[in-house]
Amino acid sequence: MKAMVLSSGGVDSTTALGLAVKKFGAENVITLSVSYGQKHDKEIEAAKAVAEYYGVEQLFMDLSKIFEYSNCSLLKQSTEAIPEKAYSEQIKDTEGEVPVSTYVPFRNGLFLSTAASIALSKGCSVIYYGAHADDSAGFAYPDCSPAFNEAMNTAIYEGSGHQLRIEAPFVNINKAEVVKLGLELKVPYELTWSCYEGHDKPCGKCGTCIDRAAAFEANGVKDPALA
């Protein structure tokens, strides 16, 4: 059995990769990393380092053209600044009625559909991705929710002639619990990158930096990437 893992180079997808390698063996795991017009290449470089660490095949896809009409703050063409506050604060600002400004329109839907086509061609029977409960809380990222995961799994399973399914192993747990599992799996978090800014070091101010720090702190350890 072969698995494909959507790999962004961040904490969640790298933990999903570690889980897949443990379950299927590195020789049966392929990663797919996607460029979507993000402001920097740091996460793609991190994904490369992680794939090399695990000794897995890595594929790349450029889907930036599809997102050129979006003004999401993560994208190169955006006129919006990346918020310097935790997701919980951003959700309060949006009153839980619209996604946060770092939501890339239907990104996971597009990534999973793309991955499905490639995974079938590569002989994979499952796709892993790292959505977790904190992502979908308060409607921040609706394409990370259990309902979305279930719907996409049904679509991909049926659309592939029952050859392929998707798994979001963390969809019902929070980021601190993801990190706890990753520490047990000895995931190389020192190689990962989460920050939305592309500087030499993480900014420590954007939502993903804040939530990442809190997840490691909850486990009583220092973020290895900051060591």
N, C-alpha and C. Protein backbone atom coordinates (compact mmCIF):
# COMPACT_ATOMS: atom_id res chain seq x y z
N MET A 1 0.85 -1.20 0.00
CA MET A 1 0.00 0.00 0.00
C MET A 1 0.88 1.25 0.00
N LYS A 2 0.56 2.20 -0.87
CA LYS A 2 1.34 3.43 -0.96
C LYS A 2 0.49 4.63 -0.53
N ALA A 3 1.17 5.62 0.06
CA ALA A 3 0.49 6.81 0.55
C ALA A 3 1.13 8.06 -0.02
N MET A 4 0.30 9.07 -0.26
CA MET A 4 0.80 10.40 -0.62
C MET A 4 0.50 11.34 0.52
N VAL A 5 1.46 12.19 0.86
CA VAL A 5 1.28 13.15 1.93
C VAL A 5 1.42 14.56 1.37
N LEU A 6 0.42 15.41 1.60
CA LEU A 6 0.54 16.82 1.23
C LEU A 6 1.51 17.46 2.22
N SER A 7 2.63 17.93 1.72
CA SER A 7 3.69 18.43 2.60
C SER A 7 3.99 19.90 2.35
N SER A 8 3.71 20.73 3.35
CA SER A 8 3.97 22.16 3.24
C SER A 8 5.29 22.55 3.89
N GLY A 9 5.88 21.62 4.63
CA GLY A 9 7.10 21.93 5.36
C GLY A 9 6.84 22.44 6.77
N GLY A 10 5.56 22.50 7.17
CA GLY A 10 5.21 22.97 8.50
C GLY A 10 5.05 21.84 9.51
N VAL A 11 4.66 22.20 10.71
CA VAL A 11 4.53 21.24 11.81
C VAL A 11 3.51 20.15 11.50
N ASP A 12 2.33 20.53 11.05
CA ASP A 12 1.23 19.57 10.92
C ASP A 12 1.48 18.57 9.79
N SER A 13 1.86 19.06 8.62
CA SER A 13 2.08 18.15 7.50
C SER A 13 3.29 17.27 7.73
N THR A 14 4.31 17.79 8.43
CA THR A 14 5.50 16.99 8.71
C THR A 14 5.18 15.90 9.72
N THR A 15 4.30 16.19 10.66
CA THR A 15 3.85 15.16 11.60
C THR A 15 3.06 14.10 10.86
N ALA A 16 2.21 14.52 9.92
CA ALA A 16 1.46 13.57 9.10
C ALA A 16 2.41 12.69 8.29
N LEU A 17 3.48 13.29 7.80
CA LEU A 17 4.48 12.53 7.06
C LEU A 17 5.16 11.50 7.96
N GLY A 18 5.54 11.93 9.16
CA GLY A 18 6.16 11.01 10.11
C GLY A 18 5.25 9.83 10.43
N LEU A 19 3.97 10.12 10.55
CA LEU A 19 2.98 9.08 10.83
C LEU A 19 2.87 8.10 9.65
N ALA A 20 2.85 8.65 8.43
CA ALA A 20 2.74 7.81 7.24
C ALA A 20 3.97 6.93 7.05
N VAL A 21 5.14 7.50 7.29
CA VAL A 21 6.38 6.72 7.16
C VAL A 21 6.41 5.58 8.16
N LYS A 22 5.95 5.84 9.37
CA LYS A 22 5.92 4.78 10.39
C LYS A 22 4.96 3.67 9.98
N LYS A 23 3.83 4.05 9.40
CA LYS A 23 2.79 3.08 9.05
C LYS A 23 3.09 2.31 7.77
N PHE A 24 3.61 3.01 6.75
CA PHE A 24 3.76 2.38 5.44
C PHE A 24 5.21 2.10 5.03
N GLY A 25 6.17 2.77 5.70
CA GLY A 25 7.57 2.65 5.31
C GLY A 25 7.92 3.72 4.28
N ALA A 26 9.11 4.29 4.39
CA ALA A 26 9.51 5.40 3.52
C ALA A 26 9.43 5.05 2.04
N GLU A 27 9.68 3.81 1.71
CA GLU A 27 9.66 3.40 0.30
C GLU A 27 8.24 3.41 -0.28
N ASN A 28 7.24 3.49 0.57
CA ASN A 28 5.85 3.49 0.12
C ASN A 28 5.16 4.83 0.33
N VAL A 29 5.95 5.87 0.56
CA VAL A 29 5.39 7.21 0.81
C VAL A 29 5.94 8.22 -0.20
N ILE A 30 5.04 9.03 -0.74
CA ILE A 30 5.40 10.11 -1.65
C ILE A 30 4.86 11.41 -1.07
N THR A 31 5.63 12.48 -1.14
CA THR A 31 5.11 13.78 -0.71
C THR A 31 4.82 14.65 -1.93
N LEU A 32 3.80 15.49 -1.78
CA LEU A 32 3.47 16.48 -2.81
C LEU A 32 3.49 17.85 -2.17
N SER A 33 4.33 18.73 -2.68
CA SER A 33 4.44 20.10 -2.17
C SER A 33 3.97 21.07 -3.25
N VAL A 34 3.13 22.01 -2.85
CA VAL A 34 2.46 22.88 -3.81
C VAL A 34 2.84 24.34 -3.63
N SER A 35 3.21 24.98 -4.72
CA SER A 35 3.38 26.43 -4.73
C SER A 35 2.05 27.04 -5.13
N TYR A 36 1.60 28.03 -4.35
CA TYR A 36 0.28 28.60 -4.64
C TYR A 36 0.34 30.13 -4.73
N GLY A 37 1.54 30.65 -4.94
CA GLY A 37 1.71 32.09 -5.05
C GLY A 37 2.03 32.75 -3.72
N GLN A 38 2.47 31.95 -2.75
CA GLN A 38 2.82 32.49 -1.43
C GLN A 38 3.99 33.48 -1.53
N LYS A 39 4.09 34.33 -0.52
CA LYS A 39 5.05 35.43 -0.56
C LYS A 39 6.51 35.00 -0.48
N HIS A 40 6.76 33.78 -0.07
CA HIS A 40 8.15 33.33 0.05
C HIS A 40 8.24 31.83 -0.22
N ASP A 41 9.49 31.34 -0.38
CA ASP A 41 9.72 29.93 -0.69
C ASP A 41 10.23 29.15 0.52
N LYS A 42 10.22 29.76 1.68
CA LYS A 42 10.79 29.12 2.86
C LYS A 42 10.12 27.78 3.17
N GLU A 43 8.78 27.72 3.04
CA GLU A 43 8.09 26.49 3.38
C GLU A 43 8.37 25.38 2.36
N ILE A 44 8.55 25.74 1.10
CA ILE A 44 8.89 24.74 0.09
C ILE A 44 10.29 24.19 0.36
N GLU A 45 11.21 25.07 0.74
CA GLU A 45 12.56 24.63 1.08
C GLU A 45 12.54 23.71 2.29
N ALA A 46 11.68 24.03 3.27
CA ALA A 46 11.54 23.18 4.45
C ALA A 46 10.98 21.82 4.06
N ALA A 47 10.01 21.82 3.16
CA ALA A 47 9.43 20.55 2.71
C ALA A 47 10.48 19.68 2.01
N LYS A 48 11.36 20.31 1.27
CA LYS A 48 12.45 19.57 0.62
C LYS A 48 13.36 18.93 1.67
N ALA A 49 13.71 19.70 2.70
CA ALA A 49 14.59 19.19 3.75
C ALA A 49 13.95 18.03 4.49
N VAL A 50 12.66 18.14 4.75
CA VAL A 50 11.93 17.09 5.46
C VAL A 50 11.87 15.81 4.61
N ALA A 51 11.58 15.96 3.31
CA ALA A 51 11.51 14.80 2.42
C ALA A 51 12.87 14.10 2.35
N GLU A 52 13.93 14.90 2.31
CA GLU A 52 15.28 14.33 2.27
C GLU A 52 15.59 13.60 3.57
N TYR A 53 15.17 14.17 4.68
CA TYR A 53 15.39 13.54 5.99
C TYR A 53 14.75 12.16 6.04
N TYR A 54 13.52 12.05 5.55
CA TYR A 54 12.81 10.78 5.61
C TYR A 54 13.15 9.85 4.43
N GLY A 55 13.82 10.37 3.44
CA GLY A 55 14.20 9.55 2.29
C GLY A 55 13.02 9.15 1.43
N VAL A 56 12.05 10.08 1.27
CA VAL A 56 10.86 9.78 0.47
C VAL A 56 10.89 10.55 -0.84
N GLU A 57 10.19 10.02 -1.82
CA GLU A 57 10.06 10.71 -3.10
C GLU A 57 9.23 11.97 -2.90
N GLN A 58 9.64 13.06 -3.55
CA GLN A 58 8.91 14.31 -3.44
C GLN A 58 8.54 14.85 -4.82
N LEU A 59 7.27 15.25 -4.95
CA LEU A 59 6.77 15.83 -6.18
C LEU A 59 6.37 17.29 -5.93
N PHE A 60 6.37 18.10 -6.97
CA PHE A 60 6.03 19.51 -6.84
C PHE A 60 4.95 19.89 -7.85
N MET A 61 4.13 20.86 -7.46
CA MET A 61 3.09 21.34 -8.36
C MET A 61 2.96 22.85 -8.14
N ASP A 62 2.83 23.60 -9.23
CA ASP A 62 2.63 25.05 -9.15
C ASP A 62 1.19 25.36 -9.53
N LEU A 63 0.41 25.81 -8.55
CA LEU A 63 -0.99 26.16 -8.76
C LEU A 63 -1.23 27.66 -8.55
N SER A 64 -0.18 28.43 -8.62
CA SER A 64 -0.28 29.86 -8.31
C SER A 64 -1.22 30.61 -9.25
N LYS A 65 -1.33 30.17 -10.48
CA LYS A 65 -2.18 30.84 -11.45
C LYS A 65 -3.63 30.88 -10.99
N ILE A 66 -4.06 29.82 -10.32
CA ILE A 66 -5.46 29.72 -9.89
C ILE A 66 -5.80 30.75 -8.83
N PHE A 67 -4.82 31.14 -8.02
CA PHE A 67 -5.08 32.05 -6.91
C PHE A 67 -4.76 33.51 -7.21
N GLU A 68 -4.48 33.83 -8.48
CA GLU A 68 -4.05 35.19 -8.81
C GLU A 68 -5.17 36.23 -8.65
N TYR A 69 -6.40 35.78 -8.52
CA TYR A 69 -7.52 36.71 -8.35
C TYR A 69 -7.81 36.98 -6.88
N SER A 70 -7.15 36.28 -5.99
CA SER A 70 -7.40 36.41 -4.55
C SER A 70 -6.52 37.49 -3.93
N ASN A 71 -7.08 38.19 -2.95
CA ASN A 71 -6.31 39.19 -2.21
C ASN A 71 -5.94 38.66 -0.82
N CYS A 72 -5.94 37.34 -0.66
CA CYS A 72 -5.51 36.74 0.60
C CYS A 72 -4.15 37.29 1.00
N SER A 73 -3.98 37.62 2.26
CA SER A 73 -2.75 38.28 2.73
C SER A 73 -1.49 37.43 2.60
N LEU A 74 -1.63 36.13 2.36
CA LEU A 74 -0.46 35.27 2.20
C LEU A 74 0.15 35.33 0.81
N LEU A 75 -0.57 35.89 -0.15
CA LEU A 75 -0.17 35.82 -1.54
C LEU A 75 0.67 37.02 -1.99
N LYS A 76 1.51 36.81 -2.96
CA LYS A 76 2.45 37.83 -3.43
C LYS A 76 1.75 39.11 -3.89
N GLN A 77 0.61 38.96 -4.55
CA GLN A 77 -0.06 40.13 -5.12
C GLN A 77 -0.96 40.86 -4.12
N SER A 78 -1.05 40.34 -2.91
CA SER A 78 -1.99 40.90 -1.93
C SER A 78 -1.62 42.31 -1.48
N THR A 79 -2.64 43.12 -1.26
CA THR A 79 -2.44 44.46 -0.71
C THR A 79 -2.71 44.46 0.80
N GLU A 80 -3.04 43.28 1.33
CA GLU A 80 -3.36 43.15 2.75
C GLU A 80 -2.12 42.75 3.55
N ALA A 81 -1.99 43.30 4.74
CA ALA A 81 -0.90 42.92 5.64
C ALA A 81 -1.27 41.63 6.37
N ILE A 82 -0.28 40.79 6.65
CA ILE A 82 -0.51 39.58 7.41
C ILE A 82 -0.78 39.97 8.87
N PRO A 83 -1.90 39.56 9.45
CA PRO A 83 -2.24 39.95 10.83
C PRO A 83 -1.20 39.47 11.83
N GLU A 84 -0.86 40.35 12.77
CA GLU A 84 0.07 39.99 13.83
C GLU A 84 -0.70 39.74 15.12
N LYS A 85 -1.49 38.67 15.10
CA LYS A 85 -2.27 38.29 16.27
C LYS A 85 -2.66 36.83 16.16
N ALA A 86 -2.97 36.22 17.30
CA ALA A 86 -3.35 34.82 17.33
C ALA A 86 -4.64 34.60 16.56
N TYR A 87 -4.85 33.37 16.11
CA TYR A 87 -6.07 33.05 15.36
C TYR A 87 -7.32 33.30 16.20
N SER A 88 -7.22 33.06 17.49
CA SER A 88 -8.38 33.28 18.36
C SER A 88 -8.81 34.74 18.33
N GLU A 89 -7.85 35.64 18.24
CA GLU A 89 -8.16 37.07 18.15
C GLU A 89 -8.71 37.44 16.78
N GLN A 90 -8.16 36.80 15.74
CA GLN A 90 -8.66 37.05 14.40
C GLN A 90 -10.10 36.58 14.24
N ILE A 91 -10.42 35.48 14.87
CA ILE A 91 -11.79 34.95 14.81
C ILE A 91 -12.76 35.93 15.47
N LYS A 92 -12.32 36.54 16.55
CA LYS A 92 -13.16 37.55 17.21
C LYS A 92 -13.43 38.72 16.26
N ASP A 93 -12.41 39.10 15.50
CA ASP A 93 -12.55 40.22 14.56
C ASP A 93 -13.56 39.90 13.46
N THR A 94 -13.58 38.65 13.01
CA THR A 94 -14.48 38.26 11.93
C THR A 94 -15.83 37.78 12.47
N GLU A 95 -15.94 37.72 13.80
CA GLU A 95 -17.16 37.26 14.48
C GLU A 95 -17.55 35.85 14.06
N GLY A 96 -16.56 35.07 13.63
CA GLY A 96 -16.79 33.68 13.27
C GLY A 96 -17.72 33.48 12.09
N GLU A 97 -17.88 34.52 11.28
CA GLU A 97 -18.83 34.43 10.15
C GLU A 97 -18.14 34.29 8.80
N VAL A 98 -16.86 34.67 8.74
CA VAL A 98 -16.09 34.52 7.50
C VAL A 98 -14.71 34.01 7.87
N PRO A 99 -14.03 33.36 6.93
CA PRO A 99 -12.67 32.89 7.22
C PRO A 99 -11.72 34.05 7.54
N VAL A 100 -10.62 33.75 8.20
CA VAL A 100 -9.61 34.77 8.49
C VAL A 100 -8.93 35.21 7.21
N SER A 101 -8.19 36.33 7.27
CA SER A 101 -7.61 36.91 6.05
C SER A 101 -6.49 36.07 5.45
N THR A 102 -6.00 35.08 6.21
CA THR A 102 -4.96 34.19 5.68
C THR A 102 -5.56 32.92 5.06
N TYR A 103 -6.88 32.89 4.92
CA TYR A 103 -7.54 31.77 4.24
C TYR A 103 -7.36 31.92 2.73
N VAL A 104 -6.71 30.96 2.10
CA VAL A 104 -6.55 30.94 0.65
C VAL A 104 -7.76 30.20 0.08
N PRO A 105 -8.54 30.83 -0.81
CA PRO A 105 -9.83 30.29 -1.24
C PRO A 105 -9.81 28.82 -1.68
N PHE A 106 -10.46 27.99 -0.87
CA PHE A 106 -10.64 26.56 -1.15
C PHE A 106 -9.32 25.85 -1.44
N ARG A 107 -8.28 26.30 -0.77
CA ARG A 107 -6.95 25.74 -1.04
C ARG A 107 -6.88 24.24 -0.82
N ASN A 108 -7.38 23.76 0.32
CA ASN A 108 -7.30 22.32 0.57
C ASN A 108 -8.12 21.51 -0.42
N GLY A 109 -9.25 22.09 -0.86
CA GLY A 109 -10.05 21.40 -1.86
C GLY A 109 -9.28 21.22 -3.15
N LEU A 110 -8.60 22.28 -3.56
CA LEU A 110 -7.80 22.22 -4.79
C LEU A 110 -6.61 21.30 -4.62
N PHE A 111 -5.91 21.42 -3.49
CA PHE A 111 -4.74 20.58 -3.25
C PHE A 111 -5.12 19.10 -3.25
N LEU A 112 -6.20 18.77 -2.58
CA LEU A 112 -6.61 17.36 -2.47
C LEU A 112 -7.05 16.81 -3.83
N SER A 113 -7.76 17.63 -4.61
CA SER A 113 -8.19 17.20 -5.94
C SER A 113 -6.97 16.95 -6.84
N THR A 114 -6.01 17.87 -6.78
CA THR A 114 -4.78 17.72 -7.54
C THR A 114 -4.02 16.47 -7.10
N ALA A 115 -3.90 16.33 -5.78
CA ALA A 115 -3.19 15.17 -5.22
C ALA A 115 -3.85 13.87 -5.63
N ALA A 116 -5.19 13.88 -5.69
CA ALA A 116 -5.92 12.65 -6.03
C ALA A 116 -5.54 12.16 -7.41
N SER A 117 -5.49 13.07 -8.37
CA SER A 117 -5.13 12.68 -9.73
C SER A 117 -3.72 12.12 -9.80
N ILE A 118 -2.79 12.80 -9.13
CA ILE A 118 -1.39 12.35 -9.16
C ILE A 118 -1.24 11.05 -8.37
N ALA A 119 -1.90 10.96 -7.22
CA ALA A 119 -1.81 9.76 -6.37
C ALA A 119 -2.28 8.52 -7.11
N LEU A 120 -3.37 8.65 -7.86
CA LEU A 120 -3.86 7.51 -8.64
C LEU A 120 -2.84 7.09 -9.68
N SER A 121 -2.23 8.07 -10.32
CA SER A 121 -1.23 7.78 -11.35
C SER A 121 0.02 7.13 -10.76
N LYS A 122 0.29 7.41 -9.48
CA LYS A 122 1.49 6.88 -8.82
C LYS A 122 1.19 5.61 -8.01
N GLY A 123 -0.04 5.12 -8.10
CA GLY A 123 -0.36 3.86 -7.42
C GLY A 123 -0.63 3.98 -5.94
N CYS A 124 -0.97 5.18 -5.48
CA CYS A 124 -1.29 5.37 -4.05
C CYS A 124 -2.76 5.06 -3.79
N SER A 125 -3.05 4.63 -2.57
CA SER A 125 -4.43 4.34 -2.20
C SER A 125 -4.94 5.23 -1.08
N VAL A 126 -4.07 6.10 -0.55
CA VAL A 126 -4.50 7.02 0.50
C VAL A 126 -3.69 8.32 0.41
N ILE A 127 -4.35 9.43 0.74
CA ILE A 127 -3.70 10.74 0.80
C ILE A 127 -3.82 11.24 2.23
N TYR A 128 -2.71 11.64 2.83
CA TYR A 128 -2.70 12.23 4.16
C TYR A 128 -2.56 13.75 4.05
N TYR A 129 -3.29 14.48 4.89
CA TYR A 129 -3.02 15.91 5.02
C TYR A 129 -3.23 16.32 6.48
N GLY A 130 -2.61 17.44 6.87
CA GLY A 130 -2.44 17.75 8.29
C GLY A 130 -3.44 18.68 8.93
N ALA A 131 -4.65 18.79 8.41
CA ALA A 131 -5.66 19.66 9.04
C ALA A 131 -5.92 19.22 10.47
N HIS A 132 -6.06 20.20 11.38
CA HIS A 132 -6.35 19.86 12.77
C HIS A 132 -7.47 20.75 13.30
N ALA A 133 -7.94 20.44 14.50
CA ALA A 133 -9.14 21.08 15.04
C ALA A 133 -8.98 22.59 15.23
N ASP A 134 -7.79 23.05 15.58
CA ASP A 134 -7.59 24.49 15.78
C ASP A 134 -7.78 25.26 14.47
N ASP A 135 -7.44 24.62 13.35
CA ASP A 135 -7.57 25.28 12.05
C ASP A 135 -9.02 25.61 11.71
N SER A 136 -9.92 24.71 12.04
CA SER A 136 -11.32 24.90 11.66
C SER A 136 -12.15 25.60 12.73
N ALA A 137 -11.56 25.80 13.91
CA ALA A 137 -12.29 26.44 15.01
C ALA A 137 -12.75 27.84 14.61
N GLY A 138 -13.98 28.16 14.97
CA GLY A 138 -14.49 29.50 14.71
C GLY A 138 -14.58 29.87 13.25
N PHE A 139 -14.63 28.87 12.36
CA PHE A 139 -14.76 29.10 10.92
C PHE A 139 -13.52 29.78 10.33
N ALA A 140 -12.37 29.66 11.03
CA ALA A 140 -11.14 30.29 10.55
C ALA A 140 -10.74 29.73 9.18
N TYR A 141 -10.64 28.40 9.10
CA TYR A 141 -10.30 27.71 7.86
C TYR A 141 -11.33 26.61 7.63
N PRO A 142 -12.42 26.92 6.96
CA PRO A 142 -13.50 25.93 6.79
C PRO A 142 -13.09 24.69 6.00
N ASP A 143 -12.03 24.80 5.19
CA ASP A 143 -11.58 23.63 4.45
C ASP A 143 -10.62 22.76 5.26
N CYS A 144 -10.69 22.91 6.58
CA CYS A 144 -9.95 22.04 7.50
C CYS A 144 -10.90 21.32 8.46
N SER A 145 -12.19 21.48 8.24
CA SER A 145 -13.18 20.95 9.18
C SER A 145 -13.47 19.47 8.95
N PRO A 146 -13.99 18.79 9.98
CA PRO A 146 -14.39 17.39 9.81
C PRO A 146 -15.43 17.22 8.70
N ALA A 147 -16.37 18.17 8.59
CA ALA A 147 -17.40 18.08 7.55
C ALA A 147 -16.79 18.15 6.16
N PHE A 148 -15.84 19.07 5.98
CA PHE A 148 -15.14 19.19 4.70
C PHE A 148 -14.37 17.92 4.40
N ASN A 149 -13.65 17.40 5.40
CA ASN A 149 -12.85 16.20 5.21
C ASN A 149 -13.72 15.02 4.79
N GLU A 150 -14.86 14.88 5.45
CA GLU A 150 -15.77 13.78 5.12
C GLU A 150 -16.31 13.91 3.70
N ALA A 151 -16.68 15.15 3.33
CA ALA A 151 -17.23 15.38 1.99
C ALA A 151 -16.18 15.13 0.91
N MET A 152 -14.97 15.61 1.13
CA MET A 152 -13.91 15.40 0.14
C MET A 152 -13.52 13.94 0.04
N ASN A 153 -13.52 13.25 1.18
CA ASN A 153 -13.19 11.83 1.16
C ASN A 153 -14.22 11.06 0.32
N THR A 154 -15.48 11.40 0.51
CA THR A 154 -16.54 10.75 -0.27
C THR A 154 -16.37 11.03 -1.75
N ALA A 155 -16.11 12.29 -2.09
CA ALA A 155 -15.95 12.67 -3.50
C ALA A 155 -14.77 11.95 -4.14
N ILE A 156 -13.64 11.92 -3.45
CA ILE A 156 -12.44 11.30 -4.00
C ILE A 156 -12.59 9.78 -4.07
N TYR A 157 -13.19 9.20 -3.04
CA TYR A 157 -13.41 7.74 -3.04
C TYR A 157 -14.32 7.33 -4.19
N GLU A 158 -15.41 8.06 -4.36
CA GLU A 158 -16.34 7.73 -5.44
C GLU A 158 -15.75 8.08 -6.80
N GLY A 159 -15.11 9.24 -6.88
CA GLY A 159 -14.55 9.69 -8.16
C GLY A 159 -13.37 8.89 -8.64
N SER A 160 -12.73 8.16 -7.73
CA SER A 160 -11.59 7.32 -8.09
C SER A 160 -12.00 5.87 -8.33
N GLY A 161 -13.30 5.62 -8.33
CA GLY A 161 -13.75 4.24 -8.48
C GLY A 161 -13.38 3.39 -7.29
N HIS A 162 -13.42 4.02 -6.10
CA HIS A 162 -13.12 3.35 -4.83
C HIS A 162 -11.67 2.90 -4.71
N GLN A 163 -10.79 3.57 -5.45
CA GLN A 163 -9.37 3.22 -5.38
C GLN A 163 -8.59 4.07 -4.38
N LEU A 164 -9.14 5.24 -4.02
CA LEU A 164 -8.38 6.21 -3.26
C LEU A 164 -9.25 6.87 -2.19
N ARG A 165 -8.65 7.11 -1.04
CA ARG A 165 -9.36 7.82 0.03
C ARG A 165 -8.40 8.84 0.64
N ILE A 166 -8.94 9.74 1.43
CA ILE A 166 -8.09 10.71 2.13
C ILE A 166 -8.21 10.51 3.63
N GLU A 167 -7.17 10.88 4.33
CA GLU A 167 -7.17 10.81 5.79
C GLU A 167 -6.60 12.11 6.35
N ALA A 168 -7.31 12.67 7.32
CA ALA A 168 -6.81 13.82 8.07
C ALA A 168 -6.70 13.32 9.52
N PRO A 169 -5.58 12.69 9.88
CA PRO A 169 -5.48 12.02 11.18
C PRO A 169 -5.59 12.95 12.39
N PHE A 170 -5.47 14.27 12.16
CA PHE A 170 -5.50 15.21 13.28
C PHE A 170 -6.76 16.08 13.30
N VAL A 171 -7.72 15.76 12.45
CA VAL A 171 -8.86 16.65 12.27
C VAL A 171 -9.68 16.87 13.55
N ASN A 172 -9.57 15.93 14.49
CA ASN A 172 -10.34 16.06 15.74
C ASN A 172 -9.47 16.36 16.96
N ILE A 173 -8.20 16.69 16.74
CA ILE A 173 -7.32 17.06 17.86
C ILE A 173 -6.69 18.42 17.59
N ASN A 174 -6.18 19.07 18.64
CA ASN A 174 -5.61 20.40 18.47
C ASN A 174 -4.11 20.34 18.17
N LYS A 175 -3.52 21.50 17.92
CA LYS A 175 -2.12 21.56 17.50
C LYS A 175 -1.17 21.05 18.59
N ALA A 176 -1.49 21.33 19.84
CA ALA A 176 -0.64 20.84 20.93
C ALA A 176 -0.60 19.31 20.93
N GLU A 177 -1.72 18.69 20.63
CA GLU A 177 -1.78 17.23 20.57
C GLU A 177 -1.03 16.70 19.35
N VAL A 178 -1.06 17.46 18.27
CA VAL A 178 -0.28 17.09 17.08
C VAL A 178 1.20 17.08 17.42
N VAL A 179 1.65 18.13 18.10
CA VAL A 179 3.06 18.23 18.49
C VAL A 179 3.44 17.10 19.46
N LYS A 180 2.54 16.78 20.38
CA LYS A 180 2.80 15.69 21.32
C LYS A 180 3.06 14.38 20.57
N LEU A 181 2.22 14.10 19.59
CA LEU A 181 2.40 12.89 18.78
C LEU A 181 3.70 12.96 18.00
N GLY A 182 3.99 14.14 17.43
CA GLY A 182 5.20 14.31 16.65
C GLY A 182 6.47 14.12 17.48
N LEU A 183 6.45 14.59 18.70
CA LEU A 183 7.60 14.40 19.58
C LEU A 183 7.82 12.93 19.87
N GLU A 184 6.72 12.19 20.03
CA GLU A 184 6.83 10.75 20.24
C GLU A 184 7.39 10.05 19.01
N LEU A 185 7.05 10.58 17.83
CA LEU A 185 7.54 10.01 16.57
C LEU A 185 8.93 10.51 16.20
N LYS A 186 9.46 11.44 17.01
CA LYS A 186 10.76 12.06 16.75
C LYS A 186 10.77 12.78 15.39
N VAL A 187 9.70 13.50 15.13
CA VAL A 187 9.60 14.29 13.90
C VAL A 187 10.66 15.40 13.92
N PRO A 188 11.36 15.65 12.82
CA PRO A 188 12.44 16.65 12.78
C PRO A 188 11.90 18.08 12.69
N TYR A 189 11.31 18.54 13.78
CA TYR A 189 10.70 19.88 13.77
C TYR A 189 11.73 20.98 13.53
N GLU A 190 13.00 20.67 13.78
CA GLU A 190 14.04 21.68 13.55
C GLU A 190 14.16 22.03 12.07
N LEU A 191 13.65 21.18 11.20
CA LEU A 191 13.72 21.42 9.75
C LEU A 191 12.49 22.15 9.22
N THR A 192 11.46 22.29 10.03
CA THR A 192 10.19 22.83 9.55
C THR A 192 10.15 24.36 9.57
N TRP A 193 9.19 24.89 8.82
CA TRP A 193 8.97 26.34 8.77
C TRP A 193 7.48 26.61 8.77
N SER A 194 7.04 27.50 9.66
CA SER A 194 5.61 27.80 9.77
C SER A 194 5.29 29.27 9.50
N CYS A 195 6.23 30.14 9.75
CA CYS A 195 6.00 31.59 9.69
C CYS A 195 5.49 32.04 8.32
N TYR A 196 4.53 32.97 8.33
CA TYR A 196 3.97 33.50 7.09
C TYR A 196 4.91 34.51 6.44
N GLU A 197 5.86 35.01 7.19
CA GLU A 197 6.85 35.93 6.64
C GLU A 197 8.06 35.13 6.16
N GLY A 198 8.82 35.68 5.23
CA GLY A 198 9.93 34.94 4.64
C GLY A 198 11.30 35.42 5.09
N HIS A 199 11.42 35.85 6.33
CA HIS A 199 12.69 36.37 6.82
C HIS A 199 13.63 35.22 7.20
N ASP A 200 14.82 35.57 7.64
CA ASP A 200 15.80 34.55 8.03
C ASP A 200 15.31 33.75 9.24
N LYS A 201 14.59 34.43 10.12
CA LYS A 201 14.06 33.77 11.31
C LYS A 201 12.55 34.02 11.40
N PRO A 202 11.81 33.12 12.06
CA PRO A 202 10.37 33.33 12.21
C PRO A 202 10.07 34.66 12.90
N CYS A 203 9.00 35.33 12.47
CA CYS A 203 8.70 36.66 13.01
C CYS A 203 8.19 36.60 14.45
N GLY A 204 7.55 35.49 14.82
CA GLY A 204 7.03 35.34 16.18
C GLY A 204 5.76 36.12 16.43
N LYS A 205 5.24 36.81 15.41
CA LYS A 205 4.09 37.70 15.60
C LYS A 205 2.84 37.27 14.82
N CYS A 206 3.02 36.52 13.73
CA CYS A 206 1.86 36.13 12.93
C CYS A 206 1.10 34.99 13.62
N GLY A 207 -0.11 34.73 13.17
CA GLY A 207 -0.94 33.74 13.83
C GLY A 207 -0.31 32.37 13.92
N THR A 208 0.34 31.93 12.84
CA THR A 208 0.92 30.59 12.85
C THR A 208 2.14 30.51 13.76
N CYS A 209 2.91 31.58 13.87
CA CYS A 209 4.03 31.61 14.80
C CYS A 209 3.54 31.53 16.25
N ILE A 210 2.51 32.31 16.56
CA ILE A 210 1.96 32.34 17.91
C ILE A 210 1.39 30.99 18.30
N ASP A 211 0.61 30.39 17.41
CA ASP A 211 -0.01 29.11 17.72
C ASP A 211 1.02 27.98 17.78
N ARG A 212 2.04 28.06 16.94
CA ARG A 212 3.10 27.06 16.98
C ARG A 212 3.84 27.11 18.32
N ALA A 213 4.20 28.32 18.74
CA ALA A 213 4.91 28.47 20.02
C ALA A 213 4.07 27.93 21.17
N ALA A 214 2.77 28.21 21.14
CA ALA A 214 1.88 27.75 22.20
C ALA A 214 1.79 26.23 22.23
N ALA A 215 1.82 25.60 21.06
CA ALA A 215 1.73 24.14 20.98
C ALA A 215 2.95 23.47 21.58
N PHE A 216 4.13 24.02 21.32
CA PHE A 216 5.34 23.45 21.92
C PHE A 216 5.38 23.74 23.42
N GLU A 217 4.98 24.93 23.79
CA GLU A 217 4.96 25.30 25.21
C GLU A 217 4.03 24.38 26.00
N ALA A 218 2.90 24.03 25.40
CA ALA A 218 1.93 23.13 26.06
C ALA A 218 2.53 21.76 26.32
N ASN A 219 3.56 21.41 25.54
CA ASN A 219 4.23 20.13 25.73
C ASN A 219 5.51 20.24 26.56
N GLY A 220 5.74 21.45 27.08
CA GLY A 220 6.88 21.65 27.97
C GLY A 220 8.23 21.60 27.30
N VAL A 221 8.26 21.89 25.99
CA VAL A 221 9.54 21.87 25.28
C VAL A 221 9.70 23.14 24.46
N LYS A 222 10.93 23.48 24.17
CA LYS A 222 11.24 24.62 23.32
C LYS A 222 11.11 24.19 21.86
N ASP A 223 10.58 25.06 21.04
CA ASP A 223 10.47 24.77 19.61
C ASP A 223 11.87 24.52 19.06
N PRO A 224 12.15 23.29 18.55
CA PRO A 224 13.49 22.97 18.03
C PRO A 224 13.96 23.90 16.92
N ALA A 225 13.02 24.48 16.17
CA ALA A 225 13.39 25.38 15.08
C ALA A 225 13.97 26.68 15.59
N LEU A 226 13.75 26.98 16.87
CA LEU A 226 14.25 28.22 17.46
C LEU A 226 15.48 27.98 18.34
N ALA A 227 15.90 26.75 18.42
CA ALA A 227 17.03 26.41 19.29
C ALA A 227 18.34 26.98 18.74
